[in-house]
Structures are given as structure tokens and as C-alpha cells.
Amino acid sequence: MLYDPRWPVAWFDWAQVRCIQGHHLPHLVQPNAVYFITFHLDDSMPLEVALRWRQERDQWLKDNPPPHTEEQEEILKKLYWTRVEHYLDRGVGSCVLASSEAQDAIEYVLHYSDGSDYRLGDYAVMSNHVHALVHIPDPDEMLPTCLRWKRISAKTINAQIDRAGTLWQEESFDHIMRSPEQLERSREYIRQNPRNITQGRFRLGCGSLFA
């Protein structure tokens, strides 16, 4: 269940949040946060597209430094995150995650430390990207958790299809939940994300967060 005294949940708080700079993207982390995380295949989005949108977002952030109001957060979401989501939903690239074997590999890594290092919520394995809600108490473990998911699943999936090289784009997109209402909207988004995709080419699930 979401409210478990052994696993306290904290909603986004500018007084508690800190920024960790990744190779290309900044990541906001906070103790006891619930994150909406998306990671996608390396060939699902051209790097130049992501970089152009990131530059536009960075310019907006320069003109509108944090902390942000809810209205500003919505503008920022539409400026970058929503564009990324719409692009990924086009199903561009090799789409190797459409196979049941690849979906098994993703589910294995998502569930592996569920209930010990984090609590996994709703997730969707799409043909070229993955969405997951996850409650991670230790802010220093958010990025390493994503890296482990991708490293282990890449090894398995590459072996399945007899390929070598980079499978996932290096960095993931992550967003700290602001409120119970936003969390519920995110759950609904994940459940509705595959609505125009043929059954079997995606997989939905949920871990211990809402058990």
C-alpha cells in the first residue's frame, strides 16, 4: 500500500530537493520521493531532436529560475516532457521491446529489488520505451537504480536477439510526484498509454507500491 509507516512518502518540496547533473540532463532527487521514470531505446529518438528540445527547455529555465509555481511546472512539462512522450509514442526505431521475451526481461529487473531497495508502482513496457512509477527512499539511489535496470536488461535482450552494442539511451527522464492527485493522474497515464497499440506488443503491471 502507498502509505506504509515503514516506507514514508514525501511529495516534491523545493526545500528538500537537490539537483544531480547527469551526462546530458539534470535530475532532481529528494528523500522518500515517488518518481515517474521513462527510459527508452537508443534508436527511438534522434539525439539532435532531444538536444534541440533540451536547449529550448534550458533557455526557459534560465528565464524562469526555480522555484516554480504549478502553472510554470505545467509550462515546463509541455515544453519538454510532453514533446518527448509524443515522439516516443510514434513507435520509432527497432521496437525490440514488443516481444514477450524482452518484456519478460524488463519485468524481471523492475521487480528484482521491489520491496527491498524501492517500491515499484505501475509500469508499462512499450515497444520502444518503458514507464515506471517507483518510490525510492534514498535519493542517491535513483540514478543507480535506473542504470541497473538498463544494464541488466540490455545484456539479456541483446543476447535474445543476437546483437551487440548500445540498447538504451544513456539517460532516463524522471519527475518527482508533487501530490497524491498527480500520482493518480500518472497511474492513469501509464494504464492508458498503450490504448492505440495492438494487445501483446506492450505489457502493463504493478509492484508493491499499491499492493
N, C-alpha and C. Protein backbone atom coordinates (compact mmCIF):
# COMPACT_ATOMS: atom_id res chain seq x y z
N MET A 1 0.84 -1.19 0.00
CA MET A 1 0.00 0.00 0.00
C MET A 1 0.88 1.24 0.00
N LEU A 2 0.32 2.35 -0.48
CA LEU A 2 1.12 3.57 -0.61
C LEU A 2 1.57 4.09 0.74
N TYR A 3 0.66 4.20 1.69
CA TYR A 3 1.00 4.78 2.98
C TYR A 3 1.34 3.67 3.97
N ASP A 4 2.62 3.36 4.04
CA ASP A 4 3.15 2.31 4.90
C ASP A 4 4.15 2.99 5.84
N PRO A 5 3.97 2.89 7.16
CA PRO A 5 4.89 3.58 8.08
C PRO A 5 6.35 3.17 7.92
N ARG A 6 6.57 1.99 7.35
CA ARG A 6 7.95 1.55 7.13
C ARG A 6 8.57 2.24 5.92
N TRP A 7 7.72 2.82 5.05
CA TRP A 7 8.18 3.45 3.82
C TRP A 7 7.53 4.83 3.70
N PRO A 8 7.99 5.84 4.44
CA PRO A 8 7.38 7.17 4.35
C PRO A 8 7.50 7.77 2.95
N VAL A 9 6.44 8.45 2.53
CA VAL A 9 6.39 9.09 1.23
C VAL A 9 6.45 10.60 1.42
N ALA A 10 7.29 11.27 0.63
CA ALA A 10 7.38 12.73 0.66
C ALA A 10 7.10 13.26 -0.73
N TRP A 11 6.17 14.23 -0.83
CA TRP A 11 5.88 14.86 -2.11
C TRP A 11 6.92 15.94 -2.39
N PHE A 12 6.99 16.36 -3.65
CA PHE A 12 8.01 17.31 -4.08
C PHE A 12 8.04 18.54 -3.17
N ASP A 13 9.25 18.91 -2.74
CA ASP A 13 9.42 20.04 -1.83
C ASP A 13 10.73 20.74 -2.20
N TRP A 14 10.64 22.00 -2.64
CA TRP A 14 11.84 22.73 -3.04
C TRP A 14 12.85 22.83 -1.91
N ALA A 15 12.39 22.76 -0.67
CA ALA A 15 13.30 22.85 0.47
C ALA A 15 14.12 21.57 0.66
N GLN A 16 13.63 20.46 0.10
CA GLN A 16 14.29 19.17 0.28
C GLN A 16 15.01 18.69 -0.98
N VAL A 17 14.61 19.20 -2.13
CA VAL A 17 15.12 18.67 -3.38
C VAL A 17 16.54 19.16 -3.66
N ARG A 18 17.31 18.35 -4.38
CA ARG A 18 18.62 18.78 -4.86
C ARG A 18 18.81 18.24 -6.27
N CYS A 19 19.71 18.88 -6.99
CA CYS A 19 19.92 18.55 -8.40
C CYS A 19 21.21 17.76 -8.56
N ILE A 20 21.12 16.66 -9.31
CA ILE A 20 22.29 15.88 -9.69
C ILE A 20 22.45 16.02 -11.20
N GLN A 21 23.59 16.44 -11.64
CA GLN A 21 23.82 16.63 -13.08
C GLN A 21 24.28 15.32 -13.70
N GLY A 22 23.48 14.82 -14.65
CA GLY A 22 23.89 13.64 -15.39
C GLY A 22 24.79 14.04 -16.55
N HIS A 23 25.02 13.10 -17.47
CA HIS A 23 25.89 13.41 -18.61
C HIS A 23 25.26 14.47 -19.52
N HIS A 24 23.93 14.41 -19.64
CA HIS A 24 23.25 15.36 -20.52
C HIS A 24 22.11 16.09 -19.82
N LEU A 25 21.49 15.47 -18.84
CA LEU A 25 20.29 16.03 -18.24
C LEU A 25 20.47 16.24 -16.74
N PRO A 26 19.86 17.30 -16.18
CA PRO A 26 19.82 17.45 -14.73
C PRO A 26 18.71 16.57 -14.16
N HIS A 27 18.92 16.04 -12.97
CA HIS A 27 17.95 15.17 -12.33
C HIS A 27 17.69 15.69 -10.92
N LEU A 28 16.43 15.92 -10.58
CA LEU A 28 16.06 16.35 -9.24
C LEU A 28 15.76 15.12 -8.39
N VAL A 29 16.35 15.07 -7.20
CA VAL A 29 16.13 13.95 -6.30
C VAL A 29 15.75 14.49 -4.92
N GLN A 30 15.10 13.63 -4.13
CA GLN A 30 14.62 14.04 -2.82
C GLN A 30 14.41 12.78 -1.97
N PRO A 31 14.66 12.85 -0.67
CA PRO A 31 14.41 11.68 0.18
C PRO A 31 12.93 11.26 0.14
N ASN A 32 12.71 9.95 0.04
CA ASN A 32 11.38 9.34 0.13
C ASN A 32 10.45 9.75 -1.01
N ALA A 33 11.01 10.13 -2.14
CA ALA A 33 10.19 10.60 -3.26
C ALA A 33 9.64 9.44 -4.07
N VAL A 34 8.52 9.71 -4.75
CA VAL A 34 7.97 8.81 -5.75
C VAL A 34 8.27 9.44 -7.12
N TYR A 35 8.91 8.68 -7.99
CA TYR A 35 9.34 9.18 -9.29
C TYR A 35 8.53 8.55 -10.42
N PHE A 36 8.26 9.36 -11.43
CA PHE A 36 7.77 8.84 -12.71
C PHE A 36 9.00 8.79 -13.61
N ILE A 37 9.40 7.60 -14.01
CA ILE A 37 10.64 7.40 -14.77
C ILE A 37 10.32 6.84 -16.15
N THR A 38 10.98 7.38 -17.15
CA THR A 38 10.88 6.85 -18.51
C THR A 38 12.28 6.61 -19.05
N PHE A 39 12.51 5.43 -19.57
CA PHE A 39 13.76 5.17 -20.29
C PHE A 39 13.42 4.51 -21.62
N HIS A 40 14.23 4.82 -22.64
CA HIS A 40 13.85 4.40 -23.99
C HIS A 40 15.04 3.88 -24.78
N LEU A 41 14.73 3.15 -25.84
CA LEU A 41 15.75 2.56 -26.68
C LEU A 41 16.59 3.64 -27.36
N ASP A 42 17.83 3.32 -27.61
CA ASP A 42 18.77 4.29 -28.15
C ASP A 42 18.35 4.78 -29.53
N ASP A 43 17.65 3.94 -30.31
CA ASP A 43 17.28 4.33 -31.67
C ASP A 43 15.85 4.87 -31.76
N SER A 44 15.23 5.14 -30.61
CA SER A 44 13.83 5.57 -30.62
C SER A 44 13.67 7.07 -30.79
N MET A 45 14.76 7.83 -30.63
CA MET A 45 14.70 9.28 -30.78
C MET A 45 16.07 9.80 -31.21
N PRO A 46 16.15 10.53 -32.31
CA PRO A 46 17.44 11.10 -32.73
C PRO A 46 17.99 12.02 -31.66
N LEU A 47 19.28 11.94 -31.42
CA LEU A 47 19.91 12.75 -30.39
C LEU A 47 19.74 14.24 -30.66
N GLU A 48 19.79 14.62 -31.94
CA GLU A 48 19.68 16.05 -32.25
C GLU A 48 18.31 16.61 -31.89
N VAL A 49 17.27 15.77 -31.97
CA VAL A 49 15.92 16.22 -31.58
C VAL A 49 15.87 16.47 -30.08
N ALA A 50 16.36 15.50 -29.31
CA ALA A 50 16.35 15.64 -27.85
C ALA A 50 17.19 16.84 -27.41
N LEU A 51 18.34 17.04 -28.07
CA LEU A 51 19.21 18.16 -27.71
C LEU A 51 18.55 19.51 -28.02
N ARG A 52 17.86 19.59 -29.14
CA ARG A 52 17.20 20.85 -29.50
C ARG A 52 16.10 21.18 -28.48
N TRP A 53 15.31 20.19 -28.12
CA TRP A 53 14.26 20.43 -27.14
C TRP A 53 14.85 20.75 -25.78
N ARG A 54 15.98 20.13 -25.46
CA ARG A 54 16.62 20.41 -24.18
C ARG A 54 17.14 21.84 -24.15
N GLN A 55 17.69 22.32 -25.27
CA GLN A 55 18.18 23.69 -25.33
C GLN A 55 17.06 24.69 -25.15
N GLU A 56 15.90 24.40 -25.75
CA GLU A 56 14.74 25.27 -25.58
C GLU A 56 14.27 25.26 -24.13
N ARG A 57 14.28 24.09 -23.51
CA ARG A 57 13.90 23.99 -22.10
C ARG A 57 14.89 24.75 -21.22
N ASP A 58 16.19 24.58 -21.49
CA ASP A 58 17.21 25.25 -20.69
C ASP A 58 17.10 26.77 -20.78
N GLN A 59 16.75 27.27 -21.97
CA GLN A 59 16.58 28.71 -22.11
C GLN A 59 15.39 29.19 -21.29
N TRP A 60 14.32 28.40 -21.29
CA TRP A 60 13.14 28.76 -20.48
C TRP A 60 13.52 28.76 -19.00
N LEU A 61 14.29 27.77 -18.57
CA LEU A 61 14.71 27.71 -17.17
C LEU A 61 15.60 28.89 -16.80
N LYS A 62 16.42 29.31 -17.76
CA LYS A 62 17.28 30.48 -17.50
C LYS A 62 16.44 31.73 -17.30
N ASP A 63 15.37 31.83 -18.08
CA ASP A 63 14.49 33.00 -17.98
C ASP A 63 13.51 32.88 -16.81
N ASN A 64 13.30 31.63 -16.34
CA ASN A 64 12.34 31.38 -15.27
C ASN A 64 12.98 30.45 -14.23
N PRO A 65 13.91 30.97 -13.43
CA PRO A 65 14.61 30.11 -12.47
C PRO A 65 13.66 29.58 -11.38
N PRO A 66 13.94 28.39 -10.84
CA PRO A 66 13.11 27.85 -9.76
C PRO A 66 13.33 28.62 -8.46
N PRO A 67 12.39 28.46 -7.51
CA PRO A 67 11.25 27.53 -7.52
C PRO A 67 10.13 27.99 -8.45
N HIS A 68 9.34 27.00 -8.93
CA HIS A 68 8.29 27.29 -9.90
C HIS A 68 6.91 27.11 -9.27
N THR A 69 5.97 27.86 -9.79
CA THR A 69 4.58 27.66 -9.43
C THR A 69 4.04 26.44 -10.18
N GLU A 70 2.84 25.98 -9.81
CA GLU A 70 2.25 24.86 -10.52
C GLU A 70 2.02 25.20 -11.98
N GLU A 71 1.64 26.45 -12.26
CA GLU A 71 1.43 26.87 -13.64
C GLU A 71 2.73 26.82 -14.44
N GLN A 72 3.82 27.24 -13.83
CA GLN A 72 5.12 27.18 -14.50
C GLN A 72 5.56 25.74 -14.72
N GLU A 73 5.29 24.88 -13.74
CA GLU A 73 5.62 23.46 -13.89
C GLU A 73 4.88 22.86 -15.08
N GLU A 74 3.64 23.27 -15.29
CA GLU A 74 2.87 22.76 -16.42
C GLU A 74 3.45 23.25 -17.73
N ILE A 75 3.86 24.51 -17.79
CA ILE A 75 4.50 25.03 -18.99
C ILE A 75 5.78 24.26 -19.30
N LEU A 76 6.59 24.03 -18.27
CA LEU A 76 7.84 23.30 -18.45
C LEU A 76 7.59 21.88 -18.92
N LYS A 77 6.56 21.25 -18.38
CA LYS A 77 6.21 19.89 -18.80
C LYS A 77 5.86 19.86 -20.28
N LYS A 78 5.05 20.81 -20.74
CA LYS A 78 4.65 20.84 -22.15
C LYS A 78 5.83 21.19 -23.05
N LEU A 79 6.75 22.00 -22.55
CA LEU A 79 7.88 22.44 -23.35
C LEU A 79 8.84 21.30 -23.67
N TYR A 80 8.95 20.33 -22.75
CA TYR A 80 9.94 19.28 -22.96
C TYR A 80 9.34 17.88 -22.82
N TRP A 81 8.85 17.58 -21.63
CA TRP A 81 8.41 16.21 -21.34
C TRP A 81 7.30 15.75 -22.28
N THR A 82 6.29 16.57 -22.50
CA THR A 82 5.17 16.17 -23.35
C THR A 82 5.63 15.92 -24.78
N ARG A 83 6.58 16.71 -25.26
CA ARG A 83 7.10 16.51 -26.61
C ARG A 83 7.83 15.17 -26.71
N VAL A 84 8.61 14.85 -25.71
CA VAL A 84 9.33 13.58 -25.69
C VAL A 84 8.33 12.42 -25.69
N GLU A 85 7.30 12.51 -24.84
CA GLU A 85 6.30 11.45 -24.76
C GLU A 85 5.63 11.21 -26.11
N HIS A 86 5.20 12.29 -26.75
CA HIS A 86 4.51 12.15 -28.03
C HIS A 86 5.43 11.53 -29.08
N TYR A 87 6.70 11.90 -29.06
CA TYR A 87 7.64 11.34 -30.04
C TYR A 87 7.81 9.84 -29.81
N LEU A 88 8.01 9.44 -28.56
CA LEU A 88 8.20 8.02 -28.26
C LEU A 88 6.98 7.20 -28.63
N ASP A 89 5.80 7.77 -28.44
CA ASP A 89 4.57 7.04 -28.73
C ASP A 89 4.37 6.80 -30.22
N ARG A 90 5.18 7.40 -31.06
CA ARG A 90 5.10 7.15 -32.50
C ARG A 90 5.65 5.77 -32.85
N GLY A 91 6.39 5.15 -31.94
CA GLY A 91 6.92 3.82 -32.19
C GLY A 91 8.07 3.81 -33.17
N VAL A 92 8.96 4.79 -33.07
CA VAL A 92 10.11 4.89 -33.97
C VAL A 92 11.22 3.95 -33.50
N GLY A 93 11.99 3.43 -34.46
CA GLY A 93 13.15 2.60 -34.13
C GLY A 93 12.89 1.12 -34.26
N SER A 94 13.80 0.33 -33.70
CA SER A 94 13.73 -1.13 -33.84
C SER A 94 12.57 -1.75 -33.07
N CYS A 95 12.12 -1.10 -32.00
CA CYS A 95 10.96 -1.56 -31.22
C CYS A 95 11.12 -3.00 -30.73
N VAL A 96 12.31 -3.34 -30.27
CA VAL A 96 12.57 -4.72 -29.84
C VAL A 96 11.82 -5.09 -28.56
N LEU A 97 11.28 -4.09 -27.86
CA LEU A 97 10.56 -4.39 -26.62
C LEU A 97 9.15 -4.92 -26.88
N ALA A 98 8.78 -5.05 -28.15
CA ALA A 98 7.46 -5.57 -28.47
C ALA A 98 7.36 -7.08 -28.28
N SER A 99 8.49 -7.76 -28.13
CA SER A 99 8.45 -9.22 -27.96
C SER A 99 8.19 -9.59 -26.51
N SER A 100 7.53 -10.70 -26.30
CA SER A 100 7.23 -11.15 -24.94
C SER A 100 8.51 -11.48 -24.17
N GLU A 101 9.55 -11.94 -24.87
CA GLU A 101 10.82 -12.27 -24.21
C GLU A 101 11.48 -11.00 -23.66
N ALA A 102 11.46 -9.94 -24.45
CA ALA A 102 12.03 -8.68 -23.98
C ALA A 102 11.22 -8.11 -22.83
N GLN A 103 9.91 -8.23 -22.91
CA GLN A 103 9.05 -7.75 -21.84
C GLN A 103 9.30 -8.53 -20.54
N ASP A 104 9.56 -9.83 -20.68
CA ASP A 104 9.92 -10.65 -19.50
C ASP A 104 11.19 -10.11 -18.85
N ALA A 105 12.17 -9.73 -19.68
CA ALA A 105 13.45 -9.24 -19.16
C ALA A 105 13.26 -7.93 -18.41
N ILE A 106 12.42 -7.05 -18.95
CA ILE A 106 12.15 -5.77 -18.29
C ILE A 106 11.44 -6.01 -16.96
N GLU A 107 10.43 -6.84 -16.98
CA GLU A 107 9.70 -7.11 -15.73
C GLU A 107 10.61 -7.71 -14.67
N TYR A 108 11.51 -8.56 -15.08
CA TYR A 108 12.43 -9.19 -14.12
C TYR A 108 13.25 -8.13 -13.39
N VAL A 109 13.85 -7.19 -14.14
CA VAL A 109 14.70 -6.20 -13.48
C VAL A 109 13.88 -5.21 -12.65
N LEU A 110 12.69 -4.86 -13.12
CA LEU A 110 11.85 -3.93 -12.36
C LEU A 110 11.45 -4.52 -11.01
N HIS A 111 11.13 -5.80 -11.00
CA HIS A 111 10.63 -6.44 -9.78
C HIS A 111 11.75 -6.94 -8.87
N TYR A 112 12.97 -7.01 -9.37
CA TYR A 112 14.03 -7.71 -8.65
C TYR A 112 14.24 -7.16 -7.24
N SER A 113 14.33 -5.84 -7.08
CA SER A 113 14.57 -5.25 -5.75
C SER A 113 13.33 -4.58 -5.18
N ASP A 114 12.17 -4.89 -5.76
CA ASP A 114 10.92 -4.33 -5.27
C ASP A 114 10.66 -4.83 -3.85
N GLY A 115 10.44 -3.90 -2.92
CA GLY A 115 10.20 -4.28 -1.53
C GLY A 115 11.44 -4.29 -0.67
N SER A 116 12.62 -4.14 -1.30
CA SER A 116 13.86 -4.09 -0.52
C SER A 116 14.55 -2.75 -0.69
N ASP A 117 14.90 -2.39 -1.93
CA ASP A 117 15.56 -1.11 -2.19
C ASP A 117 14.58 -0.01 -2.57
N TYR A 118 13.44 -0.39 -3.09
CA TYR A 118 12.42 0.55 -3.54
C TYR A 118 11.08 -0.16 -3.57
N ARG A 119 10.03 0.62 -3.84
CA ARG A 119 8.70 0.05 -4.06
C ARG A 119 8.25 0.42 -5.47
N LEU A 120 8.01 -0.60 -6.26
CA LEU A 120 7.60 -0.42 -7.65
C LEU A 120 6.10 -0.19 -7.73
N GLY A 121 5.71 0.81 -8.50
CA GLY A 121 4.29 1.07 -8.75
C GLY A 121 3.87 0.56 -10.11
N ASP A 122 2.97 1.27 -10.76
CA ASP A 122 2.52 0.90 -12.10
C ASP A 122 3.66 1.06 -13.10
N TYR A 123 3.65 0.21 -14.13
CA TYR A 123 4.64 0.34 -15.20
C TYR A 123 4.02 -0.11 -16.51
N ALA A 124 4.60 0.38 -17.59
CA ALA A 124 4.20 -0.02 -18.93
C ALA A 124 5.46 -0.27 -19.75
N VAL A 125 5.53 -1.44 -20.35
CA VAL A 125 6.63 -1.76 -21.27
C VAL A 125 6.08 -1.60 -22.68
N MET A 126 6.49 -0.53 -23.34
CA MET A 126 6.04 -0.26 -24.70
C MET A 126 7.07 -0.79 -25.69
N SER A 127 6.80 -0.63 -26.99
CA SER A 127 7.69 -1.23 -27.98
C SER A 127 9.08 -0.59 -28.01
N ASN A 128 9.17 0.69 -27.62
CA ASN A 128 10.48 1.35 -27.66
C ASN A 128 10.81 2.13 -26.40
N HIS A 129 9.97 2.05 -25.36
CA HIS A 129 10.26 2.76 -24.11
C HIS A 129 9.51 2.12 -22.95
N VAL A 130 9.91 2.51 -21.76
CA VAL A 130 9.32 1.96 -20.53
C VAL A 130 8.96 3.11 -19.61
N HIS A 131 7.75 3.06 -19.05
CA HIS A 131 7.34 3.98 -17.99
C HIS A 131 7.27 3.21 -16.68
N ALA A 132 7.66 3.84 -15.58
CA ALA A 132 7.53 3.19 -14.28
C ALA A 132 7.39 4.23 -13.18
N LEU A 133 6.49 3.97 -12.26
CA LEU A 133 6.40 4.73 -11.02
C LEU A 133 7.17 3.95 -9.96
N VAL A 134 8.02 4.63 -9.21
CA VAL A 134 8.82 3.92 -8.20
C VAL A 134 9.09 4.85 -7.02
N HIS A 135 8.94 4.30 -5.84
CA HIS A 135 9.20 5.02 -4.59
C HIS A 135 10.59 4.62 -4.11
N ILE A 136 11.53 5.58 -4.09
CA ILE A 136 12.91 5.31 -3.71
C ILE A 136 13.27 6.17 -2.51
N PRO A 137 13.43 5.58 -1.33
CA PRO A 137 13.73 6.37 -0.12
C PRO A 137 15.05 7.13 -0.19
N ASP A 138 16.10 6.49 -0.69
CA ASP A 138 17.43 7.09 -0.72
C ASP A 138 17.60 7.87 -2.02
N PRO A 139 17.71 9.20 -1.97
CA PRO A 139 17.83 9.98 -3.21
C PRO A 139 19.07 9.63 -4.03
N ASP A 140 20.13 9.16 -3.37
CA ASP A 140 21.34 8.80 -4.10
C ASP A 140 21.20 7.50 -4.89
N GLU A 141 20.07 6.80 -4.71
CA GLU A 141 19.86 5.53 -5.40
C GLU A 141 18.97 5.64 -6.62
N MET A 142 18.44 6.84 -6.89
CA MET A 142 17.52 6.95 -8.03
C MET A 142 18.25 6.67 -9.35
N LEU A 143 19.32 7.40 -9.63
CA LEU A 143 20.05 7.18 -10.88
C LEU A 143 20.69 5.80 -10.95
N PRO A 144 21.37 5.30 -9.88
CA PRO A 144 21.92 3.95 -9.95
C PRO A 144 20.87 2.87 -10.20
N THR A 145 19.66 3.06 -9.65
CA THR A 145 18.60 2.09 -9.89
C THR A 145 18.25 2.03 -11.36
N CYS A 146 18.09 3.19 -12.00
CA CYS A 146 17.79 3.22 -13.43
C CYS A 146 18.90 2.59 -14.25
N LEU A 147 20.13 2.87 -13.88
CA LEU A 147 21.27 2.31 -14.61
C LEU A 147 21.31 0.78 -14.49
N ARG A 148 21.00 0.26 -13.31
CA ARG A 148 20.98 -1.20 -13.14
C ARG A 148 19.87 -1.82 -13.98
N TRP A 149 18.70 -1.21 -13.97
CA TRP A 149 17.61 -1.73 -14.80
C TRP A 149 18.07 -1.84 -16.26
N LYS A 150 18.70 -0.80 -16.75
CA LYS A 150 19.07 -0.77 -18.17
C LYS A 150 20.26 -1.70 -18.46
N ARG A 151 21.24 -1.71 -17.57
CA ARG A 151 22.42 -2.54 -17.81
C ARG A 151 22.05 -4.03 -17.86
N ILE A 152 21.29 -4.48 -16.87
CA ILE A 152 20.96 -5.91 -16.80
C ILE A 152 20.02 -6.30 -17.92
N SER A 153 19.00 -5.49 -18.18
CA SER A 153 18.05 -5.83 -19.25
C SER A 153 18.71 -5.78 -20.61
N ALA A 154 19.64 -4.84 -20.82
CA ALA A 154 20.33 -4.77 -22.11
C ALA A 154 21.12 -6.04 -22.39
N LYS A 155 21.79 -6.55 -21.38
CA LYS A 155 22.56 -7.78 -21.56
C LYS A 155 21.65 -8.94 -21.96
N THR A 156 20.50 -9.04 -21.30
CA THR A 156 19.57 -10.13 -21.60
C THR A 156 18.95 -9.98 -22.97
N ILE A 157 18.45 -8.78 -23.29
CA ILE A 157 17.75 -8.57 -24.56
C ILE A 157 18.71 -8.68 -25.73
N ASN A 158 19.92 -8.15 -25.60
CA ASN A 158 20.90 -8.30 -26.68
C ASN A 158 21.20 -9.76 -26.96
N ALA A 159 21.28 -10.57 -25.90
CA ALA A 159 21.52 -11.99 -26.09
C ALA A 159 20.33 -12.66 -26.77
N GLN A 160 19.13 -12.22 -26.45
CA GLN A 160 17.93 -12.80 -27.05
C GLN A 160 17.89 -12.61 -28.56
N ILE A 161 18.32 -11.45 -29.02
CA ILE A 161 18.21 -11.14 -30.45
C ILE A 161 19.57 -11.15 -31.16
N ASP A 162 20.59 -11.67 -30.46
CA ASP A 162 21.91 -11.85 -31.04
C ASP A 162 22.46 -10.54 -31.61
N ARG A 163 22.49 -9.51 -30.77
CA ARG A 163 23.03 -8.24 -31.18
C ARG A 163 24.05 -7.77 -30.14
N ALA A 164 24.84 -6.78 -30.50
CA ALA A 164 25.79 -6.18 -29.58
C ALA A 164 25.66 -4.67 -29.68
N GLY A 165 26.20 -3.99 -28.69
CA GLY A 165 26.18 -2.54 -28.72
C GLY A 165 25.16 -1.94 -27.78
N THR A 166 24.98 -0.64 -27.90
CA THR A 166 24.12 0.12 -27.00
C THR A 166 22.65 -0.18 -27.29
N LEU A 167 21.90 -0.50 -26.25
CA LEU A 167 20.46 -0.75 -26.41
C LEU A 167 19.65 0.46 -25.96
N TRP A 168 19.97 1.00 -24.79
CA TRP A 168 19.21 2.10 -24.20
C TRP A 168 19.91 3.43 -24.40
N GLN A 169 19.13 4.50 -24.54
CA GLN A 169 19.73 5.83 -24.47
C GLN A 169 20.30 6.03 -23.08
N GLU A 170 21.41 6.74 -23.00
CA GLU A 170 22.21 6.77 -21.78
C GLU A 170 21.42 7.25 -20.56
N GLU A 171 20.64 8.31 -20.71
CA GLU A 171 19.95 8.87 -19.55
C GLU A 171 18.44 8.67 -19.64
N SER A 172 17.84 8.61 -18.47
CA SER A 172 16.40 8.47 -18.36
C SER A 172 15.78 9.82 -18.04
N PHE A 173 14.48 9.91 -18.22
CA PHE A 173 13.73 11.08 -17.81
C PHE A 173 13.03 10.76 -16.50
N ASP A 174 13.07 11.67 -15.53
CA ASP A 174 12.46 11.39 -14.23
C ASP A 174 11.77 12.63 -13.69
N HIS A 175 10.71 12.41 -12.96
CA HIS A 175 9.89 13.51 -12.44
C HIS A 175 9.36 13.11 -11.07
N ILE A 176 9.60 13.95 -10.06
CA ILE A 176 9.11 13.68 -8.71
C ILE A 176 7.64 14.04 -8.61
N MET A 177 6.85 13.15 -8.03
CA MET A 177 5.43 13.40 -7.86
C MET A 177 5.19 14.55 -6.88
N ARG A 178 4.31 15.49 -7.28
CA ARG A 178 4.01 16.68 -6.48
C ARG A 178 2.92 16.46 -5.45
N SER A 179 2.04 15.50 -5.68
CA SER A 179 0.87 15.34 -4.81
C SER A 179 0.23 13.98 -5.07
N PRO A 180 -0.66 13.53 -4.17
CA PRO A 180 -1.41 12.29 -4.43
C PRO A 180 -2.22 12.38 -5.72
N GLU A 181 -2.73 13.57 -6.02
CA GLU A 181 -3.54 13.74 -7.23
C GLU A 181 -2.68 13.57 -8.48
N GLN A 182 -1.47 14.12 -8.47
CA GLN A 182 -0.59 13.94 -9.61
C GLN A 182 -0.17 12.48 -9.76
N LEU A 183 0.03 11.82 -8.65
CA LEU A 183 0.38 10.40 -8.69
C LEU A 183 -0.73 9.59 -9.34
N GLU A 184 -1.97 9.88 -8.98
CA GLU A 184 -3.09 9.15 -9.57
C GLU A 184 -3.22 9.45 -11.06
N ARG A 185 -2.98 10.70 -11.45
CA ARG A 185 -3.01 11.03 -12.88
C ARG A 185 -1.91 10.29 -13.64
N SER A 186 -0.75 10.14 -13.00
CA SER A 186 0.36 9.42 -13.63
C SER A 186 0.04 7.94 -13.78
N ARG A 187 -0.62 7.37 -12.77
CA ARG A 187 -1.05 5.97 -12.87
C ARG A 187 -2.00 5.78 -14.04
N GLU A 188 -2.94 6.71 -14.17
CA GLU A 188 -3.90 6.61 -15.26
C GLU A 188 -3.21 6.79 -16.61
N TYR A 189 -2.24 7.68 -16.69
CA TYR A 189 -1.50 7.86 -17.93
C TYR A 189 -0.80 6.57 -18.34
N ILE A 190 -0.15 5.92 -17.39
CA ILE A 190 0.55 4.67 -17.70
C ILE A 190 -0.43 3.61 -18.19
N ARG A 191 -1.57 3.52 -17.54
CA ARG A 191 -2.55 2.50 -17.94
C ARG A 191 -3.14 2.79 -19.32
N GLN A 192 -3.25 4.08 -19.68
CA GLN A 192 -3.85 4.46 -20.95
C GLN A 192 -2.83 4.60 -22.07
N ASN A 193 -1.54 4.63 -21.76
CA ASN A 193 -0.51 4.87 -22.76
C ASN A 193 -0.58 3.91 -23.96
N PRO A 194 -0.88 2.62 -23.75
CA PRO A 194 -0.91 1.70 -24.90
C PRO A 194 -2.25 1.64 -25.62
N ARG A 195 -3.15 2.60 -25.41
CA ARG A 195 -4.52 2.46 -25.88
C ARG A 195 -4.64 2.28 -27.39
N ASN A 196 -3.66 2.76 -28.17
CA ASN A 196 -3.73 2.62 -29.63
C ASN A 196 -2.77 1.55 -30.16
N ILE A 197 -2.29 0.70 -29.26
CA ILE A 197 -1.30 -0.32 -29.65
C ILE A 197 -1.94 -1.70 -29.56
N THR A 198 -1.59 -2.58 -30.48
CA THR A 198 -2.14 -3.93 -30.52
C THR A 198 -1.77 -4.71 -29.26
N GLN A 199 -2.75 -5.40 -28.67
CA GLN A 199 -2.50 -6.21 -27.49
C GLN A 199 -1.39 -7.22 -27.76
N GLY A 200 -0.45 -7.34 -26.80
CA GLY A 200 0.67 -8.25 -26.95
C GLY A 200 1.96 -7.53 -27.28
N ARG A 201 1.84 -6.31 -27.85
CA ARG A 201 3.03 -5.54 -28.16
C ARG A 201 3.39 -4.57 -27.03
N PHE A 202 2.75 -4.73 -25.90
CA PHE A 202 3.05 -3.96 -24.71
C PHE A 202 2.70 -4.82 -23.49
N ARG A 203 3.14 -4.36 -22.32
CA ARG A 203 2.78 -5.08 -21.08
C ARG A 203 2.60 -4.07 -19.96
N LEU A 204 1.52 -4.24 -19.22
CA LEU A 204 1.24 -3.41 -18.06
C LEU A 204 1.42 -4.24 -16.79
N GLY A 205 1.82 -3.59 -15.71
CA GLY A 205 1.95 -4.30 -14.44
C GLY A 205 2.04 -3.33 -13.28
N CYS A 206 2.16 -3.88 -12.09
CA CYS A 206 2.29 -3.06 -10.89
C CYS A 206 3.01 -3.87 -9.83
N GLY A 207 3.84 -3.18 -9.04
CA GLY A 207 4.59 -3.83 -7.97
C GLY A 207 3.96 -3.59 -6.62
N SER A 208 4.81 -3.48 -5.60
CA SER A 208 4.33 -3.47 -4.21
C SER A 208 3.81 -2.11 -3.75
N LEU A 209 4.05 -1.05 -4.50
CA LEU A 209 3.67 0.28 -4.05
C LEU A 209 2.19 0.41 -3.77
N PHE A 210 1.38 -0.24 -4.61
CA PHE A 210 -0.07 -0.16 -4.44
C PHE A 210 -0.69 -1.51 -4.10
N ALA A 211 0.14 -2.43 -3.62
CA ALA A 211 -0.36 -3.76 -3.29
C ALA A 211 -1.30 -3.70 -2.08
